[in-house]
Amino acid sequence: AILDDLKVSHLRLSAYWNQNEPDQNKY
């Protein structure tokens, strides 16, 4: 909805460590 209804042009996203490497060395 943010992309298609608001139609934003710029985003700031986060590469959360706990979410993207929940187990050590397993991304």
PDB file of all heavy atoms in Angstrom:
ATOM      1  N   ALA A   1       0.830  -1.203   0.000  1.00  0.00           N
ATOM      2  CA  ALA A   1       0.000   0.000   0.000  1.00  0.00           C
ATOM      3  C   ALA A   1       0.868   1.258   0.000  1.00  0.00           C
ATOM      4  O   ALA A   1       0.546   2.250  -0.658  1.00  0.00           O
ATOM      5  CB  ALA A   1      -0.927  -0.006   1.216  1.00  0.00           C
ATOM      6  N   ILE A   2       1.968   1.213   0.725  1.00  0.00           N
ATOM      7  CA  ILE A   2       2.902   2.338   0.736  1.00  0.00           C
ATOM      8  C   ILE A   2       3.481   2.565  -0.653  1.00  0.00           C
ATOM      9  O   ILE A   2       3.628   3.705  -1.108  1.00  0.00           O
ATOM     10  CB  ILE A   2       4.017   2.089   1.775  1.00  0.00           C
ATOM     11  CG1 ILE A   2       3.448   2.220   3.193  1.00  0.00           C
ATOM     12  CG2 ILE A   2       5.184   3.040   1.585  1.00  0.00           C
ATOM     13  CD1 ILE A   2       4.379   1.731   4.283  1.00  0.00           C
ATOM     14  N   LEU A   3       3.774   1.476  -1.346  1.00  0.00           N
ATOM     15  CA  LEU A   3       4.332   1.592  -2.698  1.00  0.00           C
ATOM     16  C   LEU A   3       3.286   1.994  -3.733  1.00  0.00           C
ATOM     17  O   LEU A   3       3.547   2.855  -4.582  1.00  0.00           O
ATOM     18  CB  LEU A   3       4.969   0.253  -3.113  1.00  0.00           C
ATOM     19  CG  LEU A   3       6.204  -0.213  -2.341  1.00  0.00           C
ATOM     20  CD1 LEU A   3       6.650  -1.575  -2.847  1.00  0.00           C
ATOM     21  CD2 LEU A   3       7.342   0.789  -2.452  1.00  0.00           C
ATOM     22  N   ASP A   4       2.107   1.391  -3.659  1.00  0.00           N
ATOM     23  CA  ASP A   4       1.133   1.532  -4.750  1.00  0.00           C
ATOM     24  C   ASP A   4       0.024   2.535  -4.493  1.00  0.00           C
ATOM     25  O   ASP A   4      -0.570   3.052  -5.450  1.00  0.00           O
ATOM     26  CB  ASP A   4       0.513   0.165  -5.062  1.00  0.00           C
ATOM     27  CG  ASP A   4       1.528  -0.821  -5.611  1.00  0.00           C
ATOM     28  OD1 ASP A   4       2.485  -0.367  -6.267  1.00  0.00           O
ATOM     29  OD2 ASP A   4       1.381  -2.033  -5.379  1.00  0.00           O
ATOM     30  N   ASP A   5      -0.285   2.806  -3.222  1.00  0.00           N
ATOM     31  CA  ASP A   5      -1.316   3.793  -2.931  1.00  0.00           C
ATOM     32  C   ASP A   5      -0.681   5.150  -2.605  1.00  0.00           C
ATOM     33  O   ASP A   5      -1.022   6.163  -3.213  1.00  0.00           O
ATOM     34  CB  ASP A   5      -2.201   3.318  -1.780  1.00  0.00           C
ATOM     35  CG  ASP A   5      -3.464   4.156  -1.648  1.00  0.00           C
ATOM     36  OD1 ASP A   5      -3.865   4.802  -2.644  1.00  0.00           O
ATOM     37  OD2 ASP A   5      -4.064   4.182  -0.556  1.00  0.00           O
ATOM     38  N   LEU A   6       0.271   5.165  -1.680  1.00  0.00           N
ATOM     39  CA  LEU A   6       0.995   6.402  -1.429  1.00  0.00           C
ATOM     40  C   LEU A   6       1.888   6.770  -2.607  1.00  0.00           C
ATOM     41  O   LEU A   6       2.127   7.938  -2.883  1.00  0.00           O
ATOM     42  CB  LEU A   6       1.865   6.273  -0.176  1.00  0.00           C
ATOM     43  CG  LEU A   6       1.169   6.130   1.176  1.00  0.00           C
ATOM     44  CD1 LEU A   6       2.211   6.083   2.294  1.00  0.00           C
ATOM     45  CD2 LEU A   6       0.178   7.245   1.439  1.00  0.00           C
ATOM     46  N   LYS A   7       2.414   5.736  -3.260  1.00  0.00           N
ATOM     47  CA  LYS A   7       3.331   5.913  -4.403  1.00  0.00           C
ATOM     48  C   LYS A   7       4.602   6.663  -3.994  1.00  0.00           C
ATOM     49  O   LYS A   7       5.037   7.611  -4.654  1.00  0.00           O
ATOM     50  CB  LYS A   7       2.627   6.635  -5.563  1.00  0.00           C
ATOM     51  CG  LYS A   7       1.454   5.864  -6.138  1.00  0.00           C
ATOM     52  CD  LYS A   7       0.910   6.529  -7.372  1.00  0.00           C
ATOM     53  CE  LYS A   7      -0.327   5.802  -7.894  1.00  0.00           C
ATOM     54  NZ  LYS A   7      -0.051   4.402  -8.271  1.00  0.00           N
ATOM     55  N   VAL A   8       5.209   6.210  -2.898  1.00  0.00           N
ATOM     56  CA  VAL A   8       6.431   6.853  -2.422  1.00  0.00           C
ATOM     57  C   VAL A   8       7.546   6.703  -3.452  1.00  0.00           C
ATOM     58  O   VAL A   8       7.581   5.739  -4.221  1.00  0.00           O
ATOM     59  CB  VAL A   8       6.883   6.283  -1.063  1.00  0.00           C
ATOM     60  CG1 VAL A   8       5.808   6.462  -0.019  1.00  0.00           C
ATOM     61  CG2 VAL A   8       7.279   4.811  -1.189  1.00  0.00           C
ATOM     62  N   SER A   9       8.450   7.653  -3.431  1.00  0.00           N
ATOM     63  CA  SER A   9       9.575   7.638  -4.379  1.00  0.00           C
ATOM     64  C   SER A   9      10.875   7.197  -3.716  1.00  0.00           C
ATOM     65  O   SER A   9      11.806   6.767  -4.395  1.00  0.00           O
ATOM     66  CB  SER A   9       9.767   9.029  -4.983  1.00  0.00           C
ATOM     67  OG  SER A   9       9.995   9.990  -3.947  1.00  0.00           O
ATOM     68  N   HIS A  10      10.953   7.329  -2.376  1.00  0.00           N
ATOM     69  CA  HIS A  10      12.167   7.011  -1.630  1.00  0.00           C
ATOM     70  C   HIS A  10      11.808   6.219  -0.379  1.00  0.00           C
ATOM     71  O   HIS A  10      10.811   6.516   0.294  1.00  0.00           O
ATOM     72  CB  HIS A  10      12.912   8.277  -1.227  1.00  0.00           C
ATOM     73  CG  HIS A  10      13.481   9.053  -2.371  1.00  0.00           C
ATOM     74  ND1 HIS A  10      12.705   9.711  -3.305  1.00  0.00           N
ATOM     75  CD2 HIS A  10      14.773   9.273  -2.739  1.00  0.00           C
ATOM     76  CE1 HIS A  10      13.490  10.300  -4.192  1.00  0.00           C
ATOM     77  NE2 HIS A  10      14.747  10.051  -3.869  1.00  0.00           N
ATOM     78  N   LEU A  11      12.640   5.225  -0.054  1.00  0.00           N
ATOM     79  CA  LEU A  11      12.421   4.366   1.100  1.00  0.00           C
ATOM     80  C   LEU A  11      13.703   4.228   1.909  1.00  0.00           C
ATOM     81  O   LEU A  11      14.806   4.191   1.338  1.00  0.00           O
ATOM     82  CB  LEU A  11      12.016   2.953   0.662  1.00  0.00           C
ATOM     83  CG  LEU A  11      10.546   2.599   0.439  1.00  0.00           C
ATOM     84  CD1 LEU A  11      10.466   1.195  -0.139  1.00  0.00           C
ATOM     85  CD2 LEU A  11       9.759   2.682   1.747  1.00  0.00           C
ATOM     86  N   ARG A  12      13.539   4.107   3.226  1.00  0.00           N
ATOM     87  CA  ARG A  12      14.659   3.690   4.076  1.00  0.00           C
ATOM     88  C   ARG A  12      14.268   2.364   4.704  1.00  0.00           C
ATOM     89  O   ARG A  12      13.270   2.272   5.424  1.00  0.00           O
ATOM     90  CB  ARG A  12      14.962   4.728   5.155  1.00  0.00           C
ATOM     91  CG  ARG A  12      16.175   4.350   6.017  1.00  0.00           C
ATOM     92  CD  ARG A  12      16.583   5.469   6.962  1.00  0.00           C
ATOM     93  NE  ARG A  12      15.580   5.729   7.985  1.00  0.00           N
ATOM     94  CZ  ARG A  12      15.848   5.928   9.278  1.00  0.00           C
ATOM     95  NH1 ARG A  12      17.094   5.877   9.721  1.00  0.00           N
ATOM     96  NH2 ARG A  12      14.885   6.192  10.134  1.00  0.00           N
ATOM     97  N   LEU A  13      15.044   1.326   4.423  1.00  0.00           N
ATOM     98  CA  LEU A  13      14.789  -0.016   4.935  1.00  0.00           C
ATOM     99  C   LEU A  13      15.932  -0.444   5.852  1.00  0.00           C
ATOM    100  O   LEU A  13      17.012   0.154   5.834  1.00  0.00           O
ATOM    101  CB  LEU A  13      14.653  -1.015   3.772  1.00  0.00           C
ATOM    102  CG  LEU A  13      13.550  -0.735   2.752  1.00  0.00           C
ATOM    103  CD1 LEU A  13      13.616  -1.755   1.607  1.00  0.00           C
ATOM    104  CD2 LEU A  13      12.173  -0.759   3.407  1.00  0.00           C
ATOM    105  N   SER A  14      15.678  -1.493   6.627  1.00  0.00           N
ATOM    106  CA  SER A  14      16.679  -1.968   7.582  1.00  0.00           C
ATOM    107  C   SER A  14      16.959  -3.452   7.394  1.00  0.00           C
ATOM    108  O   SER A  14      16.030  -4.255   7.252  1.00  0.00           O
ATOM    109  CB  SER A  14      16.196  -1.733   9.026  1.00  0.00           C
ATOM    110  OG  SER A  14      16.047  -0.361   9.292  1.00  0.00           O
ATOM    111  N   ALA A  15      18.250  -3.800   7.405  1.00  0.00           N
ATOM    112  CA  ALA A  15      18.668  -5.207   7.368  1.00  0.00           C
ATOM    113  C   ALA A  15      18.856  -5.667   8.807  1.00  0.00           C
ATOM    114  O   ALA A  15      19.977  -5.677   9.337  1.00  0.00           O
ATOM    115  CB  ALA A  15      19.957  -5.362   6.566  1.00  0.00           C
ATOM    116  N   TYR A  16      17.755  -6.038   9.464  1.00  0.00           N
ATOM    117  CA  TYR A  16      17.826  -6.435  10.867  1.00  0.00           C
ATOM    118  C   TYR A  16      18.633  -7.721  11.022  1.00  0.00           C
ATOM    119  O   TYR A  16      18.365  -8.727  10.360  1.00  0.00           O
ATOM    120  CB  TYR A  16      16.426  -6.631  11.432  1.00  0.00           C
ATOM    121  CG  TYR A  16      15.617  -5.358  11.543  1.00  0.00           C
ATOM    122  CD1 TYR A  16      14.403  -5.216  10.883  1.00  0.00           C
ATOM    123  CD2 TYR A  16      16.075  -4.298  12.319  1.00  0.00           C
ATOM    124  CE1 TYR A  16      13.653  -4.049  10.998  1.00  0.00           C
ATOM    125  CE2 TYR A  16      15.341  -3.130  12.433  1.00  0.00           C
ATOM    126  CZ  TYR A  16      14.127  -3.008  11.772  1.00  0.00           C
ATOM    127  OH  TYR A  16      13.396  -1.850  11.887  1.00  0.00           O
ATOM    128  N   TRP A  17      19.568  -7.684  11.945  1.00  0.00           N
ATOM    129  CA  TRP A  17      20.470  -8.816  12.135  1.00  0.00           C
ATOM    130  C   TRP A  17      19.712 -10.045  12.634  1.00  0.00           C
ATOM    131  O   TRP A  17      19.902 -11.159  12.127  1.00  0.00           O
ATOM    132  CB  TRP A  17      21.561  -8.419  13.135  1.00  0.00           C
ATOM    133  CG  TRP A  17      22.723  -9.376  13.225  1.00  0.00           C
ATOM    134  CD1 TRP A  17      22.986 -10.447  12.410  1.00  0.00           C
ATOM    135  CD2 TRP A  17      23.793  -9.314  14.169  1.00  0.00           C
ATOM    136  NE1 TRP A  17      24.144 -11.062  12.795  1.00  0.00           N
ATOM    137  CE2 TRP A  17      24.665 -10.387  13.866  1.00  0.00           C
ATOM    138  CE3 TRP A  17      24.098  -8.468  15.228  1.00  0.00           C
ATOM    139  CZ2 TRP A  17      25.822 -10.629  14.611  1.00  0.00           C
ATOM    140  CZ3 TRP A  17      25.262  -8.702  15.962  1.00  0.00           C
ATOM    141  CH2 TRP A  17      26.109  -9.776  15.656  1.00  0.00           C
ATOM    142  N   ASN A  18      18.831  -9.864  13.624  1.00  0.00           N
ATOM    143  CA  ASN A  18      18.124 -11.019  14.191  1.00  0.00           C
ATOM    144  C   ASN A  18      17.194 -11.677  13.193  1.00  0.00           C
ATOM    145  O   ASN A  18      16.939 -12.878  13.253  1.00  0.00           O
ATOM    146  CB  ASN A  18      17.345 -10.603  15.447  1.00  0.00           C
ATOM    147  CG  ASN A  18      16.280  -9.551  15.169  1.00  0.00           C
ATOM    148  OD1 ASN A  18      16.320  -8.858  14.159  1.00  0.00           O
ATOM    149  ND2 ASN A  18      15.335  -9.421  16.078  1.00  0.00           N
ATOM    150  N   GLN A  19      16.696 -10.905  12.255  1.00  0.00           N
ATOM    151  CA  GLN A  19      15.760 -11.449  11.272  1.00  0.00           C
ATOM    152  C   GLN A  19      16.474 -12.148  10.126  1.00  0.00           C
ATOM    153  O   GLN A  19      16.004 -13.178   9.627  1.00  0.00           O
ATOM    154  CB  GLN A  19      14.882 -10.322  10.716  1.00  0.00           C
ATOM    155  CG  GLN A  19      13.858 -10.774   9.699  1.00  0.00           C
ATOM    156  CD  GLN A  19      12.993  -9.617   9.230  1.00  0.00           C
ATOM    157  OE1 GLN A  19      12.904  -8.577   9.871  1.00  0.00           O
ATOM    158  NE2 GLN A  19      12.364  -9.790   8.093  1.00  0.00           N
ATOM    159  N   ASN A  20      17.590 -11.608   9.716  1.00  0.00           N
ATOM    160  CA  ASN A  20      18.268 -12.111   8.523  1.00  0.00           C
ATOM    161  C   ASN A  20      19.403 -13.099   8.806  1.00  0.00           C
ATOM    162  O   ASN A  20      19.933 -13.704   7.880  1.00  0.00           O
ATOM    163  CB  ASN A  20      18.789 -10.927   7.705  1.00  0.00           C
ATOM    164  CG  ASN A  20      17.661 -10.097   7.132  1.00  0.00           C
ATOM    165  OD1 ASN A  20      16.970 -10.538   6.209  1.00  0.00           O
ATOM    166  ND2 ASN A  20      17.445  -8.909   7.684  1.00  0.00           N
ATOM    167  N   GLU A  21      19.774 -13.252  10.095  1.00  0.00           N
ATOM    168  CA  GLU A  21      20.702 -14.312  10.493  1.00  0.00           C
ATOM    169  C   GLU A  21      20.207 -14.906  11.818  1.00  0.00           C
ATOM    170  O   GLU A  21      20.875 -14.795  12.857  1.00  0.00           O
ATOM    171  CB  GLU A  21      22.136 -13.784  10.642  1.00  0.00           C
ATOM    172  CG  GLU A  21      23.167 -14.909  10.737  1.00  0.00           C
ATOM    173  CD  GLU A  21      24.596 -14.408  10.947  1.00  0.00           C
ATOM    174  OE1 GLU A  21      24.810 -13.180  11.000  1.00  0.00           O
ATOM    175  OE2 GLU A  21      25.499 -15.258  11.075  1.00  0.00           O
ATOM    176  N   PRO A  22      19.042 -15.536  11.802  1.00  0.00           N
ATOM    177  CA  PRO A  22      18.469 -16.063  13.051  1.00  0.00           C
ATOM    178  C   PRO A  22      19.311 -17.180  13.663  1.00  0.00           C
ATOM    179  O   PRO A  22      19.278 -17.387  14.875  1.00  0.00           O
ATOM    180  CB  PRO A  22      17.095 -16.570  12.624  1.00  0.00           C
ATOM    181  CG  PRO A  22      17.233 -16.859  11.153  1.00  0.00           C
ATOM    182  CD  PRO A  22      18.183 -15.820  10.642  1.00  0.00           C
ATOM    183  N   ASP A  23      20.047 -17.897  12.822  1.00  0.00           N
ATOM    184  CA  ASP A  23      20.988 -18.919  13.278  1.00  0.00           C
ATOM    185  C   ASP A  23      22.367 -18.540  12.752  1.00  0.00           C
ATOM    186  O   ASP A  23      22.497 -18.086  11.614  1.00  0.00           O
ATOM    187  CB  ASP A  23      20.585 -20.308  12.758  1.00  0.00           C
ATOM    188  CG  ASP A  23      19.205 -20.712  13.244  1.00  0.00           C
ATOM    189  OD1 ASP A  23      19.007 -20.779  14.465  1.00  0.00           O
ATOM    190  OD2 ASP A  23      18.324 -20.944  12.398  1.00  0.00           O
ATOM    191  N   GLN A  24      23.373 -18.727  13.555  1.00  0.00           N
ATOM    192  CA  GLN A  24      24.707 -18.268  13.190  1.00  0.00           C
ATOM    193  C   GLN A  24      25.163 -18.867  11.859  1.00  0.00           C
ATOM    194  O   GLN A  24      25.067 -20.073  11.626  1.00  0.00           O
ATOM    195  CB  GLN A  24      25.708 -18.616  14.286  1.00  0.00           C
ATOM    196  CG  GLN A  24      27.071 -17.949  14.095  1.00  0.00           C
ATOM    197  CD  GLN A  24      27.973 -18.110  15.300  1.00  0.00           C
ATOM    198  OE1 GLN A  24      27.704 -18.903  16.194  1.00  0.00           O
ATOM    199  NE2 GLN A  24      29.051 -17.340  15.347  1.00  0.00           N
ATOM    200  N   ASN A  25      25.615 -17.977  10.969  1.00  0.00           N
ATOM    201  CA  ASN A  25      26.131 -18.327   9.641  1.00  0.00           C
ATOM    202  C   ASN A  25      25.062 -18.907   8.714  1.00  0.00           C
ATOM    203  O   ASN A  25      25.394 -19.486   7.679  1.00  0.00           O
ATOM    204  CB  ASN A  25      27.302 -19.318   9.760  1.00  0.00           C
ATOM    205  CG  ASN A  25      28.477 -18.739  10.529  1.00  0.00           C
ATOM    206  OD1 ASN A  25      28.798 -17.556  10.390  1.00  0.00           O
ATOM    207  ND2 ASN A  25      29.107 -19.555  11.357  1.00  0.00           N
ATOM    208  N   LYS A  26      23.778 -18.742   9.081  1.00  0.00           N
ATOM    209  CA  LYS A  26      22.687 -19.187   8.220  1.00  0.00           C
ATOM    210  C   LYS A  26      21.794 -17.991   7.915  1.00  0.00           C
ATOM    211  O   LYS A  26      21.006 -17.562   8.755  1.00  0.00           O
ATOM    212  CB  LYS A  26      21.880 -20.303   8.897  1.00  0.00           C
ATOM    213  CG  LYS A  26      22.669 -21.586   9.099  1.00  0.00           C
ATOM    214  CD  LYS A  26      21.816 -22.664   9.745  1.00  0.00           C
ATOM    215  CE  LYS A  26      22.621 -23.949   9.953  1.00  0.00           C
ATOM    216  NZ  LYS A  26      21.807 -25.011  10.618  1.00  0.00           N
ATOM    217  N   TYR A  27      21.983 -17.442   6.708  1.00  0.00           N
ATOM    218  CA  TYR A  27      21.284 -16.213   6.350  1.00  0.00           C
ATOM    219  C   TYR A  27      19.916 -16.518   5.739  1.00  0.00           C
ATOM    220  O   TYR A  27      19.758 -17.461   4.957  1.00  0.00           O
ATOM    221  CB  TYR A  27      22.128 -15.414   5.363  1.00  0.00           C
ATOM    222  CG  TYR A  27      23.495 -15.059   5.898  1.00  0.00           C
ATOM    223  CD1 TYR A  27      24.660 -15.483   5.254  1.00  0.00           C
ATOM    224  CD2 TYR A  27      23.625 -14.307   7.064  1.00  0.00           C
ATOM    225  CE1 TYR A  27      25.911 -15.161   5.749  1.00  0.00           C
ATOM    226  CE2 TYR A  27      24.865 -13.981   7.577  1.00  0.00           C
ATOM    227  CZ  TYR A  27      26.007 -14.410   6.915  1.00  0.00           C
ATOM    228  OH  TYR A  27      27.246 -14.100   7.423  1.00  0.00           O
TER     229      TYR A  27
END
